[in-house]
Amino acid sequence: MFPEFSWSRPCQISALARWRRGCAHSFCRRERRSITRHSSRHTSSRANLVGHDSHGVIRVAQCLDAIENEHLLPAAECAVTVDHVSSTVLDGQRGFGQVAGQRAMHLAVEKAARSGVAAVAARNCYHSGRLGSYAAWAAKRGFVALVMVNAGGGGQTVAPFGGLARRLATNPIAIAAPSNGDFPVVLDIATSVAPEGKVRSCHQRGEPVPSGWIVDDEGRPTTNTDDFYSAGGALLPLGGSAGHKGFGLALLIDILAGALSGAGCCREEVVDARDGMLVIAIDIARYTSPQAFGEHVRRLIGYVKSSPTVPGVEEVLVPGELEHRCQMIRSRHGIQVDEATWLALEAASRARGVAAPKPSKSILAGPHVAADRSAAEGAAVDPMTAGVVT
């Protein structure tokens, strides 16, 4: 079940970082515009490090195009529009969603440290990236964190339960909690059966998606990504035959991240929609001893993982564990980039007069490949849905 690229090139993260900076500086010189000091690292390969390739390098060329089309303003800084003791509303001013997400989580943690619980909403942001990174950051600092995002009414790719037309975005949610172990518990999921980015990854590699992910424009199950991208198909809500659960969760996230932030919810006519976000932080120390909390979590993890496994599964993995293992490997050895994404990077380089990132000869070659593969194959779910693609 471990997905293999039919064609890919390995690349070091440092090479991609240099390339992104070169593209950003080239654009700024040509257009005589500034760029926020955070921006060049926010079209980030960090998502690739934890196995979420659908939110990493695959987005870079798209992001550069958005800058040139002025859909994304790289110099934008968040503005505070509403501010109270335990709540804030941010306007991302059409800037990087990652800038807004980090600012929102920092503010939520800062306010929760004073008041116990804090909620920060943000609107008018470009793609917010991988939500688990914000939640994990807070968890590592002793806070429980929740992050949810809608597309401000846009990005409609998901059919409601029992429907066949696109009516909702994938509306992701991340929840993280500290543990006394090697990594925090981090749940990071779309409320569709899979994120659109994973469908895109399969589409760019010319591969079918797993059955049960998408339907065609007449509501018939399909694995052909052309039915989704060219023929008006839709993603299904999380839950399969119990998809009413994922649908209900998606609907409430649309309300909380969209209506509460002012970004707006899914509707018939949407013009220039941008992400809405809600971030909540809870200071564990206001409720119980952080050490005792972490010990409860550690013992829970151990108890859950002690379960006998079904045939074909080597180990029960908890949320965040697969990402932790993947990061340990890829931080040392780099990531792999599929053919379509690599060609897009090269085209973006030529268009901006920047040298393309150089592939590495030694990445993901050797015994660590087996470790990466066994970690994925030992998952209790399909590793593609768990977010590991190498």
Protein backbone atom coordinates (compact mmCIF):
# COMPACT_ATOMS: atom_id res chain seq x y z
CA MET A 1 0.00 0.00 0.00
CA PHE A 2 3.02 2.28 0.14
CA PRO A 3 2.81 4.70 -2.81
CA GLU A 4 5.73 4.80 -5.22
CA PHE A 5 6.50 7.60 -7.64
CA SER A 6 7.00 6.31 -11.16
CA TRP A 7 9.41 9.19 -11.65
CA SER A 8 10.84 11.47 -9.00
CA ARG A 9 13.90 13.45 -8.04
CA PRO A 10 15.28 13.74 -4.54
CA CYS A 11 16.14 17.20 -3.26
CA GLN A 12 17.58 18.69 -0.09
CA ILE A 13 15.42 21.16 1.83
CA SER A 14 18.28 23.71 1.87
CA ALA A 15 18.41 23.70 -1.95
CA LEU A 16 14.68 24.38 -2.16
CA ALA A 17 14.98 27.18 0.41
CA ARG A 18 17.71 28.89 -1.63
CA TRP A 19 15.61 28.53 -4.76
CA ARG A 20 12.54 30.07 -3.11
CA ARG A 21 14.57 33.03 -1.88
CA GLY A 22 16.00 33.52 -5.36
CA CYS A 23 12.53 33.54 -6.93
CA ALA A 24 11.24 35.97 -4.32
CA HIS A 25 14.14 38.37 -4.74
CA SER A 26 13.95 38.19 -8.54
CA PHE A 27 10.25 39.03 -8.42
CA CYS A 28 10.80 41.94 -6.04
CA ARG A 29 13.55 43.43 -8.20
CA ARG A 30 11.47 43.15 -11.35
CA GLU A 31 8.23 44.45 -9.85
CA ARG A 32 9.86 46.91 -7.41
CA ARG A 33 7.88 45.49 -4.53
CA SER A 34 8.83 44.48 -1.04
CA ILE A 35 8.19 41.11 0.53
CA THR A 36 7.55 40.32 4.16
CA ARG A 37 10.59 38.77 5.81
CA HIS A 38 8.51 35.70 6.64
CA SER A 39 7.21 35.08 3.14
CA SER A 40 10.01 33.20 1.41
CA ARG A 41 9.80 30.32 3.85
CA HIS A 42 6.02 30.11 3.92
CA THR A 43 5.55 28.47 0.53
CA SER A 44 7.15 25.80 2.56
CA SER A 45 8.70 22.40 2.14
CA ARG A 46 8.19 21.80 5.85
CA ALA A 47 4.98 19.94 5.05
CA ASN A 48 7.03 17.54 2.91
CA LEU A 49 9.25 16.80 5.89
CA VAL A 50 6.35 15.28 7.82
CA GLY A 51 4.98 13.42 4.80
CA HIS A 52 2.25 15.86 3.75
CA ASP A 53 3.53 16.38 0.21
CA SER A 54 0.12 17.68 -0.85
CA HIS A 55 0.78 20.86 1.17
CA GLY A 56 4.46 21.34 0.41
CA VAL A 57 6.61 21.88 -2.68
CA ILE A 58 3.67 21.07 -4.94
CA ARG A 59 2.22 24.49 -3.97
CA VAL A 60 5.29 26.61 -4.72
CA ALA A 61 4.77 27.34 -8.43
CA GLN A 62 1.08 27.98 -7.76
CA CYS A 63 2.05 30.44 -5.04
CA LEU A 64 4.49 32.29 -7.30
CA ASP A 65 1.78 32.61 -9.95
CA ALA A 66 -0.61 33.98 -7.31
CA ILE A 67 1.93 36.66 -6.42
CA GLU A 68 2.32 37.73 -10.03
CA ASN A 69 -1.47 37.74 -10.52
CA GLU A 70 -1.80 39.85 -7.35
CA HIS A 71 -4.08 37.29 -5.77
CA LEU A 72 -1.41 36.99 -3.08
CA LEU A 73 0.37 40.08 -1.70
CA PRO A 74 3.69 38.86 -0.28
CA ALA A 75 4.45 42.10 1.59
CA ALA A 76 1.16 42.07 3.49
CA GLU A 77 1.23 42.06 7.27
CA CYS A 78 -1.72 41.06 9.45
CA ALA A 79 -3.84 43.85 10.89
CA VAL A 80 -5.72 43.57 14.19
CA THR A 81 -9.34 44.63 13.64
CA VAL A 82 -10.86 43.49 16.96
CA ASP A 83 -8.95 42.93 20.21
CA HIS A 84 -10.14 41.87 23.65
CA VAL A 85 -8.58 40.13 26.64
CA SER A 86 -9.13 36.61 25.32
CA SER A 87 -10.11 37.17 21.69
CA THR A 88 -8.76 38.86 18.56
CA VAL A 89 -9.76 39.16 14.92
CA LEU A 90 -7.01 39.51 12.30
CA ASP A 91 -7.20 40.69 8.70
CA GLY A 92 -4.57 38.90 6.64
CA GLN A 93 -4.73 41.67 4.00
CA ARG A 94 -4.43 39.14 1.14
CA GLY A 95 -1.09 37.93 2.45
CA PHE A 96 0.32 34.50 3.20
CA GLY A 97 -2.08 32.34 5.18
CA GLN A 98 0.91 30.91 7.03
CA VAL A 99 1.81 34.38 8.29
CA ALA A 100 -1.75 34.84 9.56
CA GLY A 101 -1.83 31.33 11.02
CA GLN A 102 1.38 31.80 12.95
CA ARG A 103 0.33 35.24 14.18
CA ALA A 104 -3.07 33.89 15.25
CA MET A 105 -1.57 30.98 17.18
CA HIS A 106 1.06 33.15 18.86
CA LEU A 107 -1.64 35.58 19.97
CA ALA A 108 -3.92 32.78 21.16
CA VAL A 109 -1.15 31.24 23.27
CA GLU A 110 -0.12 34.63 24.63
CA LYS A 111 -3.70 35.48 25.63
CA ALA A 112 -4.45 31.98 26.97
CA ALA A 113 -1.41 32.25 29.25
CA ARG A 114 -3.14 35.24 30.85
CA SER A 115 -6.78 34.16 30.73
CA GLY A 116 -6.75 30.35 30.49
CA VAL A 117 -8.50 30.09 27.13
CA ALA A 118 -8.24 32.32 24.06
CA ALA A 119 -9.66 32.34 20.54
CA VAL A 120 -8.28 34.23 17.55
CA ALA A 121 -10.05 34.48 14.20
CA ALA A 122 -8.44 35.53 10.91
CA ARG A 123 -9.79 36.31 7.47
CA ASN A 124 -8.64 37.52 4.05
CA CYS A 125 -5.71 35.09 3.84
CA TYR A 126 -4.13 33.12 1.02
CA HIS A 127 -3.80 29.31 1.42
CA SER A 128 -3.11 28.55 5.09
CA GLY A 129 -0.90 25.50 4.59
CA ARG A 130 -0.70 22.57 6.98
CA LEU A 131 -2.74 23.32 10.10
CA GLY A 132 -1.01 20.69 12.20
CA SER A 133 2.15 22.80 12.29
CA TYR A 134 0.40 25.61 14.18
CA ALA A 135 -1.33 23.25 16.61
CA ALA A 136 1.88 21.30 17.26
CA TRP A 137 3.78 24.53 17.97
CA ALA A 138 1.32 25.36 20.76
CA ALA A 139 1.30 21.81 22.13
CA LYS A 140 5.08 21.85 22.46
CA ARG A 141 4.65 24.90 24.69
CA GLY A 142 2.16 23.29 27.03
CA PHE A 143 -1.14 24.26 25.41
CA VAL A 144 -3.99 22.31 23.89
CA ALA A 145 -4.71 23.85 20.48
CA LEU A 146 -7.44 23.71 17.85
CA VAL A 147 -7.18 25.20 14.36
CA MET A 148 -9.88 25.15 11.70
CA VAL A 149 -10.02 26.76 8.27
CA ASN A 150 -12.56 27.37 5.54
CA ALA A 151 -11.97 28.92 2.13
CA GLY A 152 -14.16 31.95 2.71
CA GLY A 153 -16.89 30.45 0.58
CA GLY A 154 -14.56 29.41 -2.24
CA GLY A 155 -12.74 26.16 -2.92
CA GLN A 156 -15.96 24.20 -3.23
CA THR A 157 -14.83 20.66 -4.08
CA VAL A 158 -16.84 18.46 -1.68
CA ALA A 159 -20.36 17.13 -2.12
CA PRO A 160 -22.66 17.13 0.93
CA PHE A 161 -23.69 13.74 2.29
CA GLY A 162 -26.40 12.44 -0.04
CA GLY A 163 -25.63 15.09 -2.68
CA LEU A 164 -23.51 14.95 -5.82
CA ALA A 165 -22.68 18.61 -6.56
CA ARG A 166 -19.80 20.54 -5.02
CA ARG A 167 -21.06 22.63 -2.09
CA LEU A 168 -18.29 22.72 0.53
CA ALA A 169 -14.52 23.10 0.73
CA THR A 170 -12.36 20.45 2.40
CA ASN A 171 -12.53 22.52 5.62
CA PRO A 172 -9.62 21.03 7.59
CA ILE A 173 -9.21 20.90 11.36
CA ALA A 174 -6.18 20.24 13.55
CA ILE A 175 -6.15 19.45 17.26
CA ALA A 176 -2.97 18.96 19.28
CA ALA A 177 -2.15 18.07 22.86
CA PRO A 178 1.18 17.74 24.70
CA SER A 179 2.46 14.37 25.83
CA ASN A 180 5.41 13.27 27.92
CA GLY A 181 6.66 11.30 24.93
CA ASP A 182 8.78 12.17 21.90
CA PHE A 183 6.05 14.08 20.08
CA PRO A 184 2.71 15.77 20.78
CA VAL A 185 -0.52 14.10 19.72
CA VAL A 186 -1.56 15.96 16.55
CA LEU A 187 -4.73 15.21 14.60
CA ASP A 188 -4.66 17.06 11.27
CA ILE A 189 -7.44 16.09 8.87
CA ALA A 190 -9.61 17.36 6.07
CA THR A 191 -13.33 16.86 6.57
CA SER A 192 -13.47 15.33 3.10
CA VAL A 193 -12.34 11.73 2.77
CA ALA A 194 -9.01 13.13 1.50
CA PRO A 195 -7.57 16.62 0.97
CA GLU A 196 -7.83 18.02 -2.55
CA GLY A 197 -4.04 18.25 -2.57
CA LYS A 198 -3.72 14.47 -2.37
CA VAL A 199 -6.05 14.12 -5.34
CA ARG A 200 -3.84 16.67 -7.11
CA SER A 201 -0.71 14.67 -6.26
CA CYS A 202 -2.23 11.56 -7.84
CA HIS A 203 -3.42 13.58 -10.84
CA GLN A 204 0.05 15.00 -11.48
CA ARG A 205 1.58 11.53 -11.29
CA GLY A 206 -1.08 10.13 -13.62
CA GLU A 207 -2.28 7.69 -10.98
CA PRO A 208 -5.83 6.81 -9.89
CA VAL A 209 -7.02 7.77 -6.43
CA PRO A 210 -8.18 5.08 -4.00
CA SER A 211 -11.80 4.02 -4.40
CA GLY A 212 -14.24 5.92 -2.24
CA TRP A 213 -12.51 9.30 -2.58
CA ILE A 214 -14.37 10.94 -5.47
CA VAL A 215 -17.50 10.70 -7.61
CA ASP A 216 -18.13 11.92 -11.16
CA ASP A 217 -20.63 14.63 -12.08
CA GLU A 218 -23.47 12.11 -11.91
CA GLY A 219 -22.53 10.87 -8.45
CA ARG A 220 -20.97 7.60 -9.61
CA PRO A 221 -17.86 6.37 -7.77
CA THR A 222 -14.66 6.80 -9.79
CA THR A 223 -10.91 6.63 -9.30
CA ASN A 224 -10.08 8.70 -12.41
CA THR A 225 -8.86 12.15 -11.37
CA ASP A 226 -9.93 13.57 -14.75
CA ASP A 227 -13.51 13.04 -13.58
CA PHE A 228 -12.72 15.39 -10.72
CA TYR A 229 -10.66 18.08 -12.47
CA SER A 230 -12.16 18.14 -15.95
CA ALA A 231 -15.67 16.79 -15.62
CA GLY A 232 -17.11 18.43 -12.51
CA GLY A 233 -16.81 15.55 -10.07
CA ALA A 234 -16.58 15.97 -6.31
CA LEU A 235 -14.78 14.73 -3.25
CA LEU A 236 -16.86 12.78 -0.74
CA PRO A 237 -17.20 13.80 2.91
CA LEU A 238 -15.15 12.00 5.54
CA GLY A 239 -16.74 8.82 6.83
CA GLY A 240 -17.69 6.72 3.80
CA SER A 241 -21.12 5.19 4.44
CA ALA A 242 -21.23 7.28 7.63
CA GLY A 243 -20.33 10.43 5.69
CA HIS A 244 -22.99 12.42 7.54
CA LYS A 245 -20.39 12.77 10.30
CA GLY A 246 -17.73 14.34 8.09
CA PHE A 247 -20.38 16.46 6.39
CA GLY A 248 -21.66 17.77 9.73
CA LEU A 249 -18.13 18.56 10.88
CA ALA A 250 -17.38 20.37 7.61
CA LEU A 251 -20.55 22.43 7.92
CA LEU A 252 -19.72 23.55 11.47
CA ILE A 253 -16.14 24.41 10.50
CA ASP A 254 -17.49 26.51 7.64
CA ILE A 255 -19.59 28.37 10.20
CA LEU A 256 -16.89 28.76 12.87
CA ALA A 257 -13.97 29.61 10.58
CA GLY A 258 -16.07 31.50 8.02
CA ALA A 259 -18.98 33.25 9.69
CA LEU A 260 -17.19 33.98 12.97
CA SER A 261 -14.08 35.40 11.28
CA GLY A 262 -16.08 37.41 8.75
CA ALA A 263 -14.53 35.53 5.82
CA GLY A 264 -17.94 34.16 4.82
CA CYS A 265 -19.32 30.67 4.19
CA CYS A 266 -19.93 28.61 1.05
CA ARG A 267 -22.57 30.18 -1.16
CA GLU A 268 -23.68 30.27 -4.78
CA GLU A 269 -21.77 33.34 -5.92
CA VAL A 270 -18.27 33.77 -4.55
CA VAL A 271 -15.85 36.40 -5.86
CA ASP A 272 -12.18 36.34 -4.87
CA ALA A 273 -12.68 34.21 -1.75
CA ARG A 274 -9.89 33.88 0.81
CA ASP A 275 -9.32 31.67 3.81
CA GLY A 276 -11.03 32.18 7.14
CA MET A 277 -9.52 30.69 10.28
CA LEU A 278 -10.33 30.08 13.93
CA VAL A 279 -7.57 29.26 16.42
CA ILE A 280 -8.21 28.25 20.04
CA ALA A 281 -5.56 27.76 22.74
CA ILE A 282 -6.10 26.28 26.21
CA ASP A 283 -3.51 26.69 28.98
CA ILE A 284 -3.31 23.28 30.65
CA ALA A 285 -1.78 24.79 33.78
CA ARG A 286 -5.08 26.58 34.50
CA TYR A 287 -6.82 23.22 34.86
CA THR A 288 -4.30 20.67 36.09
CA SER A 289 -0.60 20.01 36.45
CA PRO A 290 1.01 19.97 32.98
CA GLN A 291 3.20 17.07 34.11
CA ALA A 292 0.15 15.08 35.26
CA PHE A 293 -1.64 15.91 32.00
CA GLY A 294 1.30 14.70 29.95
CA GLU A 295 1.50 11.51 31.99
CA HIS A 296 -2.18 10.78 31.37
CA VAL A 297 -1.58 11.24 27.64
CA ARG A 298 1.56 9.09 27.68
CA ARG A 299 -0.24 6.24 29.44
CA LEU A 300 -3.21 6.52 27.09
CA ILE A 301 -0.91 6.27 24.07
CA GLY A 302 0.81 3.22 25.51
CA TYR A 303 -2.50 1.55 26.28
CA VAL A 304 -3.91 2.19 22.80
CA LYS A 305 -0.74 1.00 21.10
CA SER A 306 -0.78 -2.22 23.15
CA SER A 307 -3.83 -3.43 21.21
CA PRO A 308 -3.31 -6.57 19.12
CA THR A 309 -3.35 -5.69 15.43
CA VAL A 310 -5.43 -7.00 12.57
CA PRO A 311 -3.73 -9.17 9.92
CA GLY A 312 -1.35 -7.16 7.75
CA VAL A 313 -0.83 -4.36 10.29
CA GLU A 314 2.36 -4.40 12.33
CA GLU A 315 1.64 -1.59 14.76
CA VAL A 316 -1.08 0.78 15.94
CA LEU A 317 0.01 4.38 15.34
CA VAL A 318 -1.48 7.41 17.08
CA PRO A 319 -2.10 10.81 15.43
CA GLY A 320 1.19 12.60 14.84
CA GLU A 321 3.37 9.50 15.16
CA LEU A 322 3.73 8.79 11.46
CA GLU A 323 4.59 12.44 10.79
CA HIS A 324 7.19 12.36 13.57
CA ARG A 325 8.88 9.31 12.06
CA CYS A 326 8.79 10.74 8.58
CA GLN A 327 10.35 14.01 9.76
CA MET A 328 13.19 12.15 11.46
CA ILE A 329 14.07 10.46 8.16
CA ARG A 330 13.48 13.32 5.73
CA SER A 331 15.29 15.89 7.86
CA ARG A 332 18.42 13.80 7.40
CA HIS A 333 17.97 12.59 3.85
CA GLY A 334 15.71 15.08 2.07
CA ILE A 335 12.44 14.70 0.19
CA GLN A 336 11.36 13.38 -3.19
CA VAL A 337 9.58 15.57 -5.72
CA ASP A 338 7.34 14.03 -8.38
CA GLU A 339 7.90 14.70 -12.08
CA ALA A 340 5.06 17.18 -12.66
CA THR A 341 6.03 19.25 -9.62
CA TRP A 342 9.71 19.21 -10.59
CA LEU A 343 8.93 20.36 -14.12
CA ALA A 344 6.76 23.14 -12.67
CA LEU A 345 9.69 24.24 -10.49
CA GLU A 346 12.00 24.29 -13.50
CA ALA A 347 9.47 26.31 -15.53
CA ALA A 348 9.05 28.77 -12.66
CA SER A 349 12.83 29.09 -12.47
CA ARG A 350 13.19 29.86 -16.18
CA ALA A 351 10.39 32.43 -16.05
CA ARG A 352 12.12 34.26 -13.22
CA GLY A 353 15.74 33.90 -14.30
CA VAL A 354 16.65 31.81 -11.27
CA ALA A 355 18.70 28.61 -11.24
CA ALA A 356 16.49 25.59 -10.57
CA PRO A 357 17.06 23.61 -7.36
CA LYS A 358 19.58 20.82 -7.80
CA PRO A 359 18.62 17.22 -7.08
CA SER A 360 20.72 15.24 -4.64
CA LYS A 361 22.32 11.96 -5.69
CA SER A 362 22.10 10.24 -2.35
CA ILE A 363 18.75 11.11 -0.82
CA LEU A 364 16.36 8.31 0.06
CA ALA A 365 18.76 5.62 -1.10
CA GLY A 366 19.79 3.00 1.40
CA PRO A 367 18.50 1.32 4.54
CA HIS A 368 16.51 4.34 5.73
CA VAL A 369 14.10 3.76 2.83
CA ALA A 370 13.05 0.51 4.44
CA ALA A 371 12.49 2.33 7.73
CA ASP A 372 10.31 4.91 6.02
CA ARG A 373 8.39 2.21 4.19
CA SER A 374 7.85 0.04 7.26
CA ALA A 375 6.59 3.03 9.22
CA ALA A 376 3.97 3.65 6.57
CA GLU A 377 3.03 0.03 6.02
CA GLY A 378 2.59 -0.43 9.75
CA ALA A 379 -0.13 2.21 9.90
CA ALA A 380 -3.67 1.21 10.81
CA VAL A 381 -4.91 3.21 7.82
CA ASP A 382 -3.87 3.59 4.21
CA PRO A 383 -0.56 5.53 4.33
CA MET A 384 -1.70 7.87 1.55
CA THR A 385 -4.58 9.07 3.71
CA ALA A 386 -2.17 9.33 6.62
CA GLY A 387 -0.13 11.75 4.56
CA VAL A 388 3.08 9.86 3.81
CA VAL A 389 4.28 10.10 0.23
CA THR A 390 7.94 9.54 -0.59
